[in-house]
Amino acid sequence: MIFAGLSVAFGAFGAHSLKSIFPAESLNVFETGVRYQFYHAFAILLTGFLVDRFPSNTMLTWAGRSFIWGIFLFSGSLYLFAAIKAGMLQLPEAVGILTPIGGLLFIAGWGLLLLASLKK
């Protein structure tokens, strides 16, 4: 449950350390990344339980992969974007294009979970 633990750590870091550094807009972006990471950490946990119970259902494996990559792309890009907007990183704002790709992976993961449950 590394993703859940990291989301708690990032949330605490944001609330205590970044609050004085980040402007409100950047802090909101950062908090959105933390929130979606936390939600999808639970989705990964659920998927893991289901894979253990139904190991031959490959849609479950792909759902888990979608959630993991969604966290990296969606939440990760929001963390980067918030730091860029706050002037802490010098990267092109084009990293923002990764956010909707990560969101699509989240949606795909939930869709795959639905299809896997209908299959059984």
PDB file of N, CA and C in Angstrom:
ATOM      1  N   MET A   1       0.821  -1.188   0.000  1.00  0.00           N
ATOM      2  CA  MET A   1       0.000   0.000   0.000  1.00  0.00           C
ATOM      3  C   MET A   1       0.869   1.257   0.000  1.00  0.00           C
ATOM      4  N   ILE A   2       1.911   1.174  -0.790  1.00  0.00           N
ATOM      5  CA  ILE A   2       2.851   2.291  -0.894  1.00  0.00           C
ATOM      6  C   ILE A   2       2.158   3.563  -1.375  1.00  0.00           C
ATOM      7  N   PHE A   3       1.205   3.418  -2.318  1.00  0.00           N
ATOM      8  CA  PHE A   3       0.531   4.607  -2.841  1.00  0.00           C
ATOM      9  C   PHE A   3      -0.321   5.293  -1.774  1.00  0.00           C
ATOM     10  N   ALA A   4      -0.972   4.520  -0.912  1.00  0.00           N
ATOM     11  CA  ALA A   4      -1.769   5.118   0.167  1.00  0.00           C
ATOM     12  C   ALA A   4      -0.861   5.817   1.169  1.00  0.00           C
ATOM     13  N   GLY A   5       0.213   5.150   1.548  1.00  0.00           N
ATOM     14  CA  GLY A   5       1.155   5.764   2.487  1.00  0.00           C
ATOM     15  C   GLY A   5       1.769   7.034   1.942  1.00  0.00           C
ATOM     16  N   LEU A   6       2.139   6.995   0.666  1.00  0.00           N
ATOM     17  CA  LEU A   6       2.710   8.197   0.047  1.00  0.00           C
ATOM     18  C   LEU A   6       1.689   9.326  -0.038  1.00  0.00           C
ATOM     19  N   SER A   7       0.432   8.983  -0.284  1.00  0.00           N
ATOM     20  CA  SER A   7      -0.572  10.049  -0.358  1.00  0.00           C
ATOM     21  C   SER A   7      -0.766  10.714   0.997  1.00  0.00           C
ATOM     22  N   VAL A   8      -0.684   9.936   2.073  1.00  0.00           N
ATOM     23  CA  VAL A   8      -0.763  10.532   3.417  1.00  0.00           C
ATOM     24  C   VAL A   8       0.451  11.425   3.657  1.00  0.00           C
ATOM     25  N   ALA A   9       1.628  10.927   3.276  1.00  0.00           N
ATOM     26  CA  ALA A   9       2.848  11.732   3.458  1.00  0.00           C
ATOM     27  C   ALA A   9       2.801  13.002   2.613  1.00  0.00           C
ATOM     28  N   PHE A  10       2.374  12.879   1.353  1.00  0.00           N
ATOM     29  CA  PHE A  10       2.279  14.066   0.490  1.00  0.00           C
ATOM     30  C   PHE A  10       1.237  15.041   1.022  1.00  0.00           C
ATOM     31  N   GLY A  11       0.120  14.511   1.511  1.00  0.00           N
ATOM     32  CA  GLY A  11      -0.923  15.377   2.070  1.00  0.00           C
ATOM     33  C   GLY A  11      -0.427  16.150   3.282  1.00  0.00           C
ATOM     34  N   ALA A  12       0.294  15.468   4.150  1.00  0.00           N
ATOM     35  CA  ALA A  12       0.847  16.141   5.332  1.00  0.00           C
ATOM     36  C   ALA A  12       1.897  17.171   4.917  1.00  0.00           C
ATOM     37  N   PHE A  13       2.737  16.794   3.964  1.00  0.00           N
ATOM     38  CA  PHE A  13       3.752  17.717   3.453  1.00  0.00           C
ATOM     39  C   PHE A  13       3.096  18.959   2.857  1.00  0.00           C
ATOM     40  N   GLY A  14       2.031  18.739   2.085  1.00  0.00           N
ATOM     41  CA  GLY A  14       1.321  19.864   1.485  1.00  0.00           C
ATOM     42  C   GLY A  14       0.674  20.762   2.522  1.00  0.00           C
ATOM     43  N   ALA A  15       0.064  20.150   3.522  1.00  0.00           N
ATOM     44  CA  ALA A  15      -0.649  20.920   4.539  1.00  0.00           C
ATOM     45  C   ALA A  15       0.294  21.686   5.459  1.00  0.00           C
ATOM     46  N   HIS A  16       1.468  21.125   5.706  1.00  0.00           N
ATOM     47  CA  HIS A  16       2.348  21.747   6.688  1.00  0.00           C
ATOM     48  C   HIS A  16       3.514  22.516   6.073  1.00  0.00           C
ATOM     49  N   SER A  17       4.093  21.987   5.018  1.00  0.00           N
ATOM     50  CA  SER A  17       5.283  22.631   4.450  1.00  0.00           C
ATOM     51  C   SER A  17       4.981  23.496   3.238  1.00  0.00           C
ATOM     52  N   LEU A  18       4.140  22.999   2.359  1.00  0.00           N
ATOM     53  CA  LEU A  18       3.889  23.738   1.120  1.00  0.00           C
ATOM     54  C   LEU A  18       2.908  24.887   1.297  1.00  0.00           C
ATOM     55  N   LYS A  19       2.124  24.841   2.356  1.00  0.00           N
ATOM     56  CA  LYS A  19       1.121  25.885   2.578  1.00  0.00           C
ATOM     57  C   LYS A  19       1.737  27.278   2.622  1.00  0.00           C
ATOM     58  N   SER A  20       2.936  27.369   3.153  1.00  0.00           N
ATOM     59  CA  SER A  20       3.591  28.676   3.259  1.00  0.00           C
ATOM     60  C   SER A  20       4.380  29.027   1.988  1.00  0.00           C
ATOM     61  N   ILE A  21       4.589  28.041   1.104  1.00  0.00           N
ATOM     62  CA  ILE A  21       5.396  28.260  -0.097  1.00  0.00           C
ATOM     63  C   ILE A  21       4.534  28.395  -1.348  1.00  0.00           C
ATOM     64  N   PHE A  22       3.544  27.532  -1.470  1.00  0.00           N
ATOM     65  CA  PHE A  22       2.713  27.488  -2.673  1.00  0.00           C
ATOM     66  C   PHE A  22       1.598  28.529  -2.597  1.00  0.00           C
ATOM     67  N   PRO A  23       1.297  29.170  -3.719  1.00  0.00           N
ATOM     68  CA  PRO A  23       0.079  29.986  -3.760  1.00  0.00           C
ATOM     69  C   PRO A  23      -1.146  29.064  -3.681  1.00  0.00           C
ATOM     70  N   ALA A  24      -2.288  29.608  -3.325  1.00  0.00           N
ATOM     71  CA  ALA A  24      -3.502  28.811  -3.114  1.00  0.00           C
ATOM     72  C   ALA A  24      -3.844  27.951  -4.331  1.00  0.00           C
ATOM     73  N   GLU A  25      -3.707  28.501  -5.530  1.00  0.00           N
ATOM     74  CA  GLU A  25      -4.036  27.750  -6.744  1.00  0.00           C
ATOM     75  C   GLU A  25      -3.153  26.515  -6.884  1.00  0.00           C
ATOM     76  N   SER A  26      -1.865  26.669  -6.656  1.00  0.00           N
ATOM     77  CA  SER A  26      -0.940  25.537  -6.749  1.00  0.00           C
ATOM     78  C   SER A  26      -1.209  24.515  -5.659  1.00  0.00           C
ATOM     79  N   LEU A  27      -1.546  24.989  -4.468  1.00  0.00           N
ATOM     80  CA  LEU A  27      -1.846  24.073  -3.372  1.00  0.00           C
ATOM     81  C   LEU A  27      -3.098  23.259  -3.682  1.00  0.00           C
ATOM     82  N   ASN A  28      -4.090  23.884  -4.295  1.00  0.00           N
ATOM     83  CA  ASN A  28      -5.309  23.156  -4.689  1.00  0.00           C
ATOM     84  C   ASN A  28      -4.996  22.079  -5.724  1.00  0.00           C
ATOM     85  N   VAL A  29      -4.140  22.387  -6.675  1.00  0.00           N
ATOM     86  CA  VAL A  29      -3.733  21.409  -7.686  1.00  0.00           C
ATOM     87  C   VAL A  29      -3.019  20.244  -7.011  1.00  0.00           C
ATOM     88  N   PHE A  30      -2.110  20.553  -6.111  1.00  0.00           N
ATOM     89  CA  PHE A  30      -1.363  19.524  -5.381  1.00  0.00           C
ATOM     90  C   PHE A  30      -2.325  18.634  -4.594  1.00  0.00           C
ATOM     91  N   GLU A  31      -3.279  19.243  -3.892  1.00  0.00           N
ATOM     92  CA  GLU A  31      -4.240  18.493  -3.086  1.00  0.00           C
ATOM     93  C   GLU A  31      -5.122  17.597  -3.947  1.00  0.00           C
ATOM     94  N   THR A  32      -5.450  18.029  -5.157  1.00  0.00           N
ATOM     95  CA  THR A  32      -6.216  17.181  -6.074  1.00  0.00           C
ATOM     96  C   THR A  32      -5.415  15.931  -6.428  1.00  0.00           C
ATOM     97  N   GLY A  33      -4.133  16.093  -6.680  1.00  0.00           N
ATOM     98  CA  GLY A  33      -3.273  14.944  -6.965  1.00  0.00           C
ATOM     99  C   GLY A  33      -3.242  13.974  -5.798  1.00  0.00           C
ATOM    100  N   VAL A  34      -3.128  14.502  -4.581  1.00  0.00           N
ATOM    101  CA  VAL A  34      -3.104  13.661  -3.380  1.00  0.00           C
ATOM    102  C   VAL A  34      -4.425  12.911  -3.235  1.00  0.00           C
ATOM    103  N   ARG A  35      -5.522  13.618  -3.410  1.00  0.00           N
ATOM    104  CA  ARG A  35      -6.850  13.015  -3.242  1.00  0.00           C
ATOM    105  C   ARG A  35      -7.067  11.860  -4.224  1.00  0.00           C
ATOM    106  N   TYR A  36      -6.747  12.082  -5.504  1.00  0.00           N
ATOM    107  CA  TYR A  36      -6.942  11.024  -6.495  1.00  0.00           C
ATOM    108  C   TYR A  36      -5.961   9.877  -6.298  1.00  0.00           C
ATOM    109  N   GLN A  37      -4.776  10.161  -5.823  1.00  0.00           N
ATOM    110  CA  GLN A  37      -3.833   9.085  -5.511  1.00  0.00           C
ATOM    111  C   GLN A  37      -4.398   8.220  -4.392  1.00  0.00           C
ATOM    112  N   PHE A  38      -4.962   8.850  -3.385  1.00  0.00           N
ATOM    113  CA  PHE A  38      -5.510   8.103  -2.253  1.00  0.00           C
ATOM    114  C   PHE A  38      -6.699   7.248  -2.687  1.00  0.00           C
ATOM    115  N   TYR A  39      -7.617   7.828  -3.465  1.00  0.00           N
ATOM    116  CA  TYR A  39      -8.763   7.057  -3.962  1.00  0.00           C
ATOM    117  C   TYR A  39      -8.292   5.816  -4.711  1.00  0.00           C
ATOM    118  N   HIS A  40      -7.319   6.019  -5.575  1.00  0.00           N
ATOM    119  CA  HIS A  40      -6.911   4.916  -6.437  1.00  0.00           C
ATOM    120  C   HIS A  40      -5.968   3.936  -5.750  1.00  0.00           C
ATOM    121  N   ALA A  41      -5.399   4.326  -4.621  1.00  0.00           N
ATOM    122  CA  ALA A  41      -4.684   3.346  -3.797  1.00  0.00           C
ATOM    123  C   ALA A  41      -5.680   2.298  -3.296  1.00  0.00           C
ATOM    124  N   PHE A  42      -6.877   2.735  -2.936  1.00  0.00           N
ATOM    125  CA  PHE A  42      -7.917   1.794  -2.522  1.00  0.00           C
ATOM    126  C   PHE A  42      -8.414   0.962  -3.696  1.00  0.00           C
ATOM    127  N   ALA A  43      -8.463   1.563  -4.870  1.00  0.00           N
ATOM    128  CA  ALA A  43      -8.854   0.804  -6.058  1.00  0.00           C
ATOM    129  C   ALA A  43      -7.841  -0.304  -6.335  1.00  0.00           C
ATOM    130  N   ILE A  44      -6.566  -0.011  -6.133  1.00  0.00           N
ATOM    131  CA  ILE A  44      -5.519  -1.027  -6.317  1.00  0.00           C
ATOM    132  C   ILE A  44      -5.672  -2.124  -5.271  1.00  0.00           C
ATOM    133  N   LEU A  45      -5.979  -1.754  -4.046  1.00  0.00           N
ATOM    134  CA  LEU A  45      -6.195  -2.738  -2.988  1.00  0.00           C
ATOM    135  C   LEU A  45      -7.364  -3.664  -3.349  1.00  0.00           C
ATOM    136  N   LEU A  46      -8.467  -3.087  -3.774  1.00  0.00           N
ATOM    137  CA  LEU A  46      -9.631  -3.868  -4.196  1.00  0.00           C
ATOM    138  C   LEU A  46      -9.265  -4.795  -5.354  1.00  0.00           C
ATOM    139  N   THR A  47      -8.560  -4.257  -6.319  1.00  0.00           N
ATOM    140  CA  THR A  47      -8.162  -5.045  -7.485  1.00  0.00           C
ATOM    141  C   THR A  47      -7.254  -6.200  -7.064  1.00  0.00           C
ATOM    142  N   GLY A  48      -6.355  -5.950  -6.143  1.00  0.00           N
ATOM    143  CA  GLY A  48      -5.470  -7.006  -5.645  1.00  0.00           C
ATOM    144  C   GLY A  48      -6.247  -8.144  -4.992  1.00  0.00           C
ATOM    145  N   PHE A  49      -7.251  -7.801  -4.191  1.00  0.00           N
ATOM    146  CA  PHE A  49      -8.091  -8.835  -3.584  1.00  0.00           C
ATOM    147  C   PHE A  49      -8.818  -9.646  -4.650  1.00  0.00           C
ATOM    148  N   LEU A  50      -9.315  -8.962  -5.660  1.00  0.00           N
ATOM    149  CA  LEU A  50     -10.040  -9.652  -6.724  1.00  0.00           C
ATOM    150  C   LEU A  50      -9.121 -10.538  -7.560  1.00  0.00           C
ATOM    151  N   VAL A  51      -7.902 -10.058  -7.841  1.00  0.00           N
ATOM    152  CA  VAL A  51      -6.941 -10.869  -8.592  1.00  0.00           C
ATOM    153  C   VAL A  51      -6.590 -12.129  -7.800  1.00  0.00           C
ATOM    154  N   ASP A  52      -6.465 -11.989  -6.500  1.00  0.00           N
ATOM    155  CA  ASP A  52      -6.172 -13.154  -5.658  1.00  0.00           C
ATOM    156  C   ASP A  52      -7.308 -14.172  -5.722  1.00  0.00           C
ATOM    157  N   ARG A  53      -8.516 -13.683  -5.796  1.00  0.00           N
ATOM    158  CA  ARG A  53      -9.694 -14.566  -5.830  1.00  0.00           C
ATOM    159  C   ARG A  53      -9.961 -15.123  -7.217  1.00  0.00           C
ATOM    160  N   PHE A  54      -9.693 -14.320  -8.254  1.00  0.00           N
ATOM    161  CA  PHE A  54      -9.954 -14.723  -9.641  1.00  0.00           C
ATOM    162  C   PHE A  54      -8.692 -14.519 -10.478  1.00  0.00           C
ATOM    163  N   PRO A  55      -7.655 -15.325 -10.261  1.00  0.00           N
ATOM    164  CA  PRO A  55      -6.360 -15.084 -10.905  1.00  0.00           C
ATOM    165  C   PRO A  55      -6.361 -15.214 -12.427  1.00  0.00           C
ATOM    166  N   SER A  56      -7.319 -15.912 -12.992  1.00  0.00           N
ATOM    167  CA  SER A  56      -7.333 -16.086 -14.449  1.00  0.00           C
ATOM    168  C   SER A  56      -8.009 -14.929 -15.182  1.00  0.00           C
ATOM    169  N   ASN A  57      -8.582 -13.993 -14.454  1.00  0.00           N
ATOM    170  CA  ASN A  57      -9.267 -12.867 -15.076  1.00  0.00           C
ATOM    171  C   ASN A  57      -8.246 -11.764 -15.392  1.00  0.00           C
ATOM    172  N   THR A  58      -7.790 -11.733 -16.635  1.00  0.00           N
ATOM    173  CA  THR A  58      -6.747 -10.776 -17.025  1.00  0.00           C
ATOM    174  C   THR A  58      -7.231  -9.329 -17.009  1.00  0.00           C
ATOM    175  N   MET A  59      -8.534  -9.119 -17.101  1.00  0.00           N
ATOM    176  CA  MET A  59      -9.043  -7.738 -17.030  1.00  0.00           C
ATOM    177  C   MET A  59      -8.732  -7.107 -15.681  1.00  0.00           C
ATOM    178  N   LEU A  60      -8.704  -7.920 -14.643  1.00  0.00           N
ATOM    179  CA  LEU A  60      -8.363  -7.405 -13.318  1.00  0.00           C
ATOM    180  C   LEU A  60      -6.914  -6.941 -13.265  1.00  0.00           C
ATOM    181  N   THR A  61      -6.039  -7.729 -13.879  1.00  0.00           N
ATOM    182  CA  THR A  61      -4.618  -7.345 -13.921  1.00  0.00           C
ATOM    183  C   THR A  61      -4.457  -6.030 -14.665  1.00  0.00           C
ATOM    184  N   TRP A  62      -5.149  -5.897 -15.786  1.00  0.00           N
ATOM    185  CA  TRP A  62      -5.052  -4.662 -16.566  1.00  0.00           C
ATOM    186  C   TRP A  62      -5.692  -3.479 -15.829  1.00  0.00           C
ATOM    187  N   ALA A  63      -6.730  -3.749 -15.050  1.00  0.00           N
ATOM    188  CA  ALA A  63      -7.329  -2.681 -14.237  1.00  0.00           C
ATOM    189  C   ALA A  63      -6.309  -2.159 -13.232  1.00  0.00           C
ATOM    190  N   GLY A  64      -5.623  -3.065 -12.560  1.00  0.00           N
ATOM    191  CA  GLY A  64      -4.596  -2.660 -11.600  1.00  0.00           C
ATOM    192  C   GLY A  64      -3.492  -1.861 -12.251  1.00  0.00           C
ATOM    193  N   ARG A  65      -3.043  -2.315 -13.412  1.00  0.00           N
ATOM    194  CA  ARG A  65      -2.004  -1.572 -14.138  1.00  0.00           C
ATOM    195  C   ARG A  65      -2.497  -0.182 -14.537  1.00  0.00           C
ATOM    196  N   SER A  66      -3.749  -0.101 -14.936  1.00  0.00           N
ATOM    197  CA  SER A  66      -4.318   1.207 -15.310  1.00  0.00           C
ATOM    198  C   SER A  66      -4.338   2.151 -14.124  1.00  0.00           C
ATOM    199  N   PHE A  67      -4.700   1.633 -12.967  1.00  0.00           N
ATOM    200  CA  PHE A  67      -4.716   2.475 -11.762  1.00  0.00           C
ATOM    201  C   PHE A  67      -3.307   2.943 -11.389  1.00  0.00           C
ATOM    202  N   ILE A  68      -2.341   2.035 -11.472  1.00  0.00           N
ATOM    203  CA  ILE A  68      -0.958   2.400 -11.124  1.00  0.00           C
ATOM    204  C   ILE A  68      -0.438   3.474 -12.071  1.00  0.00           C
ATOM    205  N   TRP A  69      -0.573   3.246 -13.380  1.00  0.00           N
ATOM    206  CA  TRP A  69      -0.089   4.242 -14.344  1.00  0.00           C
ATOM    207  C   TRP A  69      -0.899   5.528 -14.267  1.00  0.00           C
ATOM    208  N   GLY A  70      -2.190   5.414 -13.935  1.00  0.00           N
ATOM    209  CA  GLY A  70      -3.006   6.605 -13.749  1.00  0.00           C
ATOM    210  C   GLY A  70      -2.491   7.467 -12.614  1.00  0.00           C
ATOM    211  N   ILE A  71      -2.066   6.833 -11.523  1.00  0.00           N
ATOM    212  CA  ILE A  71      -1.498   7.590 -10.400  1.00  0.00           C
ATOM    213  C   ILE A  71      -0.233   8.312 -10.839  1.00  0.00           C
ATOM    214  N   PHE A  72       0.658   7.581 -11.523  1.00  0.00           N
ATOM    215  CA  PHE A  72       1.900   8.222 -11.963  1.00  0.00           C
ATOM    216  C   PHE A  72       1.618   9.403 -12.887  1.00  0.00           C
ATOM    217  N   LEU A  73       0.738   9.211 -13.851  1.00  0.00           N
ATOM    218  CA  LEU A  73       0.510  10.266 -14.842  1.00  0.00           C
ATOM    219  C   LEU A  73      -0.413  11.360 -14.327  1.00  0.00           C
ATOM    220  N   PHE A  74      -1.522  11.004 -13.699  1.00  0.00           N
ATOM    221  CA  PHE A  74      -2.475  12.018 -13.235  1.00  0.00           C
ATOM    222  C   PHE A  74      -1.919  12.759 -12.019  1.00  0.00           C
ATOM    223  N   SER A  75      -1.726  12.022 -10.935  1.00  0.00           N
ATOM    224  CA  SER A  75      -1.263  12.676  -9.706  1.00  0.00           C
ATOM    225  C   SER A  75       0.150  13.222  -9.864  1.00  0.00           C
ATOM    226  N   GLY A  76       1.028  12.440 -10.482  1.00  0.00           N
ATOM    227  CA  GLY A  76       2.408  12.889 -10.681  1.00  0.00           C
ATOM    228  C   GLY A  76       2.499  14.174 -11.474  1.00  0.00           C
ATOM    229  N   SER A  77       1.700  14.268 -12.542  1.00  0.00           N
ATOM    230  CA  SER A  77       1.741  15.498 -13.345  1.00  0.00           C
ATOM    231  C   SER A  77       1.165  16.680 -12.570  1.00  0.00           C
ATOM    232  N   LEU A  78       0.172  16.426 -11.723  1.00  0.00           N
ATOM    233  CA  LEU A  78      -0.365  17.522 -10.905  1.00  0.00           C
ATOM    234  C   LEU A  78       0.654  17.998  -9.878  1.00  0.00           C
ATOM    235  N   TYR A  79       1.412  17.078  -9.305  1.00  0.00           N
ATOM    236  CA  TYR A  79       2.469  17.483  -8.367  1.00  0.00           C
ATOM    237  C   TYR A  79       3.504  18.345  -9.090  1.00  0.00           C
ATOM    238  N   LEU A  80       3.908  17.893 -10.268  1.00  0.00           N
ATOM    239  CA  LEU A  80       4.881  18.670 -11.051  1.00  0.00           C
ATOM    240  C   LEU A  80       4.315  20.027 -11.455  1.00  0.00           C
ATOM    241  N   PHE A  81       3.078  20.022 -11.931  1.00  0.00           N
ATOM    242  CA  PHE A  81       2.452  21.262 -12.386  1.00  0.00           C
ATOM    243  C   PHE A  81       2.335  22.273 -11.245  1.00  0.00           C
ATOM    244  N   ALA A  82       1.967  21.798 -10.061  1.00  0.00           N
ATOM    245  CA  ALA A  82       1.866  22.697  -8.900  1.00  0.00           C
ATOM    246  C   ALA A  82       3.230  23.299  -8.570  1.00  0.00           C
ATOM    247  N   ALA A  83       4.282  22.489  -8.635  1.00  0.00           N
ATOM    248  CA  ALA A  83       5.631  22.987  -8.354  1.00  0.00           C
ATOM    249  C   ALA A  83       6.096  23.965  -9.431  1.00  0.00           C
ATOM    250  N   ILE A  84       5.734  23.702 -10.677  1.00  0.00           N
ATOM    251  CA  ILE A  84       6.079  24.619 -11.772  1.00  0.00           C
ATOM    252  C   ILE A  84       5.387  25.962 -11.557  1.00  0.00           C
ATOM    253  N   LYS A  85       4.088  25.917 -11.265  1.00  0.00           N
ATOM    254  CA  LYS A  85       3.325  27.148 -11.061  1.00  0.00           C
ATOM    255  C   LYS A  85       3.829  27.938  -9.857  1.00  0.00           C
ATOM    256  N   ALA A  86       4.341  27.240  -8.861  1.00  0.00           N
ATOM    257  CA  ALA A  86       4.870  27.916  -7.675  1.00  0.00           C
ATOM    258  C   ALA A  86       6.297  28.410  -7.885  1.00  0.00           C
ATOM    259  N   GLY A  87       6.867  28.123  -9.056  1.00  0.00           N
ATOM    260  CA  GLY A  87       8.216  28.565  -9.360  1.00  0.00           C
ATOM    261  C   GLY A  87       9.306  27.689  -8.766  1.00  0.00           C
ATOM    262  N   MET A  88       8.958  26.494  -8.299  1.00  0.00           N
ATOM    263  CA  MET A  88       9.939  25.603  -7.683  1.00  0.00           C
ATOM    264  C   MET A  88      10.667  24.729  -8.701  1.00  0.00           C
ATOM    265  N   LEU A  89      10.059  24.510  -9.853  1.00  0.00           N
ATOM    266  CA  LEU A  89      10.669  23.705 -10.916  1.00  0.00           C
ATOM    267  C   LEU A  89      10.660  24.482 -12.215  1.00  0.00           C
ATOM    268  N   GLN A  90      11.669  24.275 -13.008  1.00  0.00           N
ATOM    269  CA  GLN A  90      11.764  24.909 -14.316  1.00  0.00           C
ATOM    270  C   GLN A  90      11.545  23.853 -15.384  1.00  0.00           C
ATOM    271  N   LEU A  91      10.313  23.451 -15.574  1.00  0.00           N
ATOM    272  CA  LEU A  91       9.931  22.498 -16.609  1.00  0.00           C
ATOM    273  C   LEU A  91       8.857  23.137 -17.472  1.00  0.00           C
ATOM    274  N   PRO A  92       8.704  22.680 -18.695  1.00  0.00           N
ATOM    275  CA  PRO A  92       7.619  23.226 -19.509  1.00  0.00           C
ATOM    276  C   PRO A  92       6.256  22.857 -18.913  1.00  0.00           C
ATOM    277  N   GLU A  93       5.322  23.763 -19.013  1.00  0.00           N
ATOM    278  CA  GLU A  93       3.982  23.500 -18.497  1.00  0.00           C
ATOM    279  C   GLU A  93       3.277  22.416 -19.295  1.00  0.00           C
ATOM    280  N   ALA A  94       3.901  21.952 -20.361  1.00  0.00           N
ATOM    281  CA  ALA A  94       3.336  20.891 -21.185  1.00  0.00           C
ATOM    282  C   ALA A  94       3.194  19.584 -20.419  1.00  0.00           C
ATOM    283  N   VAL A  95       3.811  19.466 -19.231  1.00  0.00           N
ATOM    284  CA  VAL A  95       3.601  18.254 -18.431  1.00  0.00           C
ATOM    285  C   VAL A  95       2.121  18.091 -18.094  1.00  0.00           C
ATOM    286  N   GLY A  96       1.377  19.176 -18.204  1.00  0.00           N
ATOM    287  CA  GLY A  96      -0.061  19.125 -17.951  1.00  0.00           C
ATOM    288  C   GLY A  96      -0.807  18.217 -18.901  1.00  0.00           C
ATOM    289  N   ILE A  97      -0.217  17.896 -20.064  1.00  0.00           N
ATOM    290  CA  ILE A  97      -0.872  16.991 -21.013  1.00  0.00           C
ATOM    291  C   ILE A  97      -0.954  15.571 -20.454  1.00  0.00           C
ATOM    292  N   LEU A  98      -0.098  15.254 -19.482  1.00  0.00           N
ATOM    293  CA  LEU A  98      -0.118  13.922 -18.874  1.00  0.00           C
ATOM    294  C   LEU A  98      -1.330  13.719 -17.968  1.00  0.00           C
ATOM    295  N   THR A  99      -1.873  14.800 -17.437  1.00  0.00           N
ATOM    296  CA  THR A  99      -2.991  14.698 -16.498  1.00  0.00           C
ATOM    297  C   THR A  99      -4.208  14.028 -17.123  1.00  0.00           C
ATOM    298  N   PRO A 100      -4.698  14.470 -18.290  1.00  0.00           N
ATOM    299  CA  PRO A 100      -5.866  13.789 -18.851  1.00  0.00           C
ATOM    300  C   PRO A 100      -5.573  12.353 -19.286  1.00  0.00           C
ATOM    301  N   ILE A 101      -4.336  12.068 -19.665  1.00  0.00           N
ATOM    302  CA  ILE A 101      -3.986  10.689 -20.007  1.00  0.00           C
ATOM    303  C   ILE A 101      -4.111   9.811 -18.760  1.00  0.00           C
ATOM    304  N   GLY A 102      -3.616  10.314 -17.644  1.00  0.00           N
ATOM    305  CA  GLY A 102      -3.771   9.590 -16.376  1.00  0.00           C
ATOM    306  C   GLY A 102      -5.236   9.434 -15.997  1.00  0.00           C
ATOM    307  N   GLY A 103      -6.025  10.479 -16.232  1.00  0.00           N
ATOM    308  CA  GLY A 103      -7.461  10.395 -15.957  1.00  0.00           C
ATOM    309  C   GLY A 103      -8.138   9.334 -16.812  1.00  0.00           C
ATOM    310  N   LEU A 104      -7.738   9.245 -18.073  1.00  0.00           N
ATOM    311  CA  LEU A 104      -8.286   8.200 -18.943  1.00  0.00           C
ATOM    312  C   LEU A 104      -7.899   6.808 -18.452  1.00  0.00           C
ATOM    313  N   LEU A 105      -6.691   6.693 -17.920  1.00  0.00           N
ATOM    314  CA  LEU A 105      -6.280   5.407 -17.355  1.00  0.00           C
ATOM    315  C   LEU A 105      -7.103   5.053 -16.114  1.00  0.00           C
ATOM    316  N   PHE A 106      -7.436   6.037 -15.294  1.00  0.00           N
ATOM    317  CA  PHE A 106      -8.317   5.780 -14.156  1.00  0.00           C
ATOM    318  C   PHE A 106      -9.674   5.271 -14.640  1.00  0.00           C
ATOM    319  N   ILE A 107     -10.225   5.955 -15.637  1.00  0.00           N
ATOM    320  CA  ILE A 107     -11.526   5.557 -16.184  1.00  0.00           C
ATOM    321  C   ILE A 107     -11.442   4.148 -16.774  1.00  0.00           C
ATOM    322  N   ALA A 108     -10.365   3.872 -17.494  1.00  0.00           N
ATOM    323  CA  ALA A 108     -10.182   2.534 -18.068  1.00  0.00           C
ATOM    324  C   ALA A 108     -10.114   1.484 -16.967  1.00  0.00           C
ATOM    325  N   GLY A 109      -9.406   1.789 -15.891  1.00  0.00           N
ATOM    326  CA  GLY A 109      -9.313   0.849 -14.779  1.00  0.00           C
ATOM    327  C   GLY A 109     -10.673   0.525 -14.189  1.00  0.00           C
ATOM    328  N   TRP A 110     -11.492   1.545 -13.980  1.00  0.00           N
ATOM    329  CA  TRP A 110     -12.837   1.303 -13.437  1.00  0.00           C
ATOM    330  C   TRP A 110     -13.697   0.534 -14.437  1.00  0.00           C
ATOM    331  N   GLY A 111     -13.549   0.854 -15.714  1.00  0.00           N
ATOM    332  CA  GLY A 111     -14.286   0.114 -16.744  1.00  0.00           C
ATOM    333  C   GLY A 111     -13.876  -1.347 -16.784  1.00  0.00           C
ATOM    334  N   LEU A 112     -12.576  -1.594 -16.668  1.00  0.00           N
ATOM    335  CA  LEU A 112     -12.090  -2.978 -16.651  1.00  0.00           C
ATOM    336  C   LEU A 112     -12.588  -3.730 -15.422  1.00  0.00           C
ATOM    337  N   LEU A 113     -12.651  -3.055 -14.280  1.00  0.00           N
ATOM    338  CA  LEU A 113     -13.217  -3.698 -13.092  1.00  0.00           C
ATOM    339  C   LEU A 113     -14.674  -4.058 -13.318  1.00  0.00           C
ATOM    340  N   LEU A 114     -15.413  -3.165 -13.952  1.00  0.00           N
ATOM    341  CA  LEU A 114     -16.815  -3.442 -14.258  1.00  0.00           C
ATOM    342  C   LEU A 114     -16.935  -4.647 -15.177  1.00  0.00           C
ATOM    343  N   LEU A 115     -16.157  -4.653 -16.267  1.00  0.00           N
ATOM    344  CA  LEU A 115     -16.211  -5.774 -17.205  1.00  0.00           C
ATOM    345  C   LEU A 115     -15.797  -7.083 -16.536  1.00  0.00           C
ATOM    346  N   ALA A 116     -14.795  -7.019 -15.682  1.00  0.00           N
ATOM    347  CA  ALA A 116     -14.342  -8.225 -14.976  1.00  0.00           C
ATOM    348  C   ALA A 116     -15.437  -8.755 -14.064  1.00  0.00           C
ATOM    349  N   SER A 117     -16.170  -7.843 -13.416  1.00  0.00           N
ATOM    350  CA  SER A 117     -17.244  -8.298 -12.526  1.00  0.00           C
ATOM    351  C   SER A 117     -18.417  -8.865 -13.320  1.00  0.00           C
ATOM    352  N   LEU A 118     -18.678  -8.347 -14.508  1.00  0.00           N
ATOM    353  CA  LEU A 118     -19.744  -8.874 -15.352  1.00  0.00           C
ATOM    354  C   LEU A 118     -19.365 -10.239 -15.928  1.00  0.00           C
ATOM    355  N   LYS A 119     -18.071 -10.432 -16.149  1.00  0.00           N
ATOM    356  CA  LYS A 119     -17.569 -11.700 -16.684  1.00  0.00           C
ATOM    357  C   LYS A 119     -17.811 -12.834 -15.700  1.00  0.00           C
ATOM    358  N   LYS A 120     -17.660 -12.562 -14.425  1.00  0.00           N
ATOM    359  CA  LYS A 120     -17.835 -13.601 -13.402  1.00  0.00           C
ATOM    360  C   LYS A 120     -19.289 -13.680 -13.067  1.00  0.00           C
TER     361      LYS A 120
END
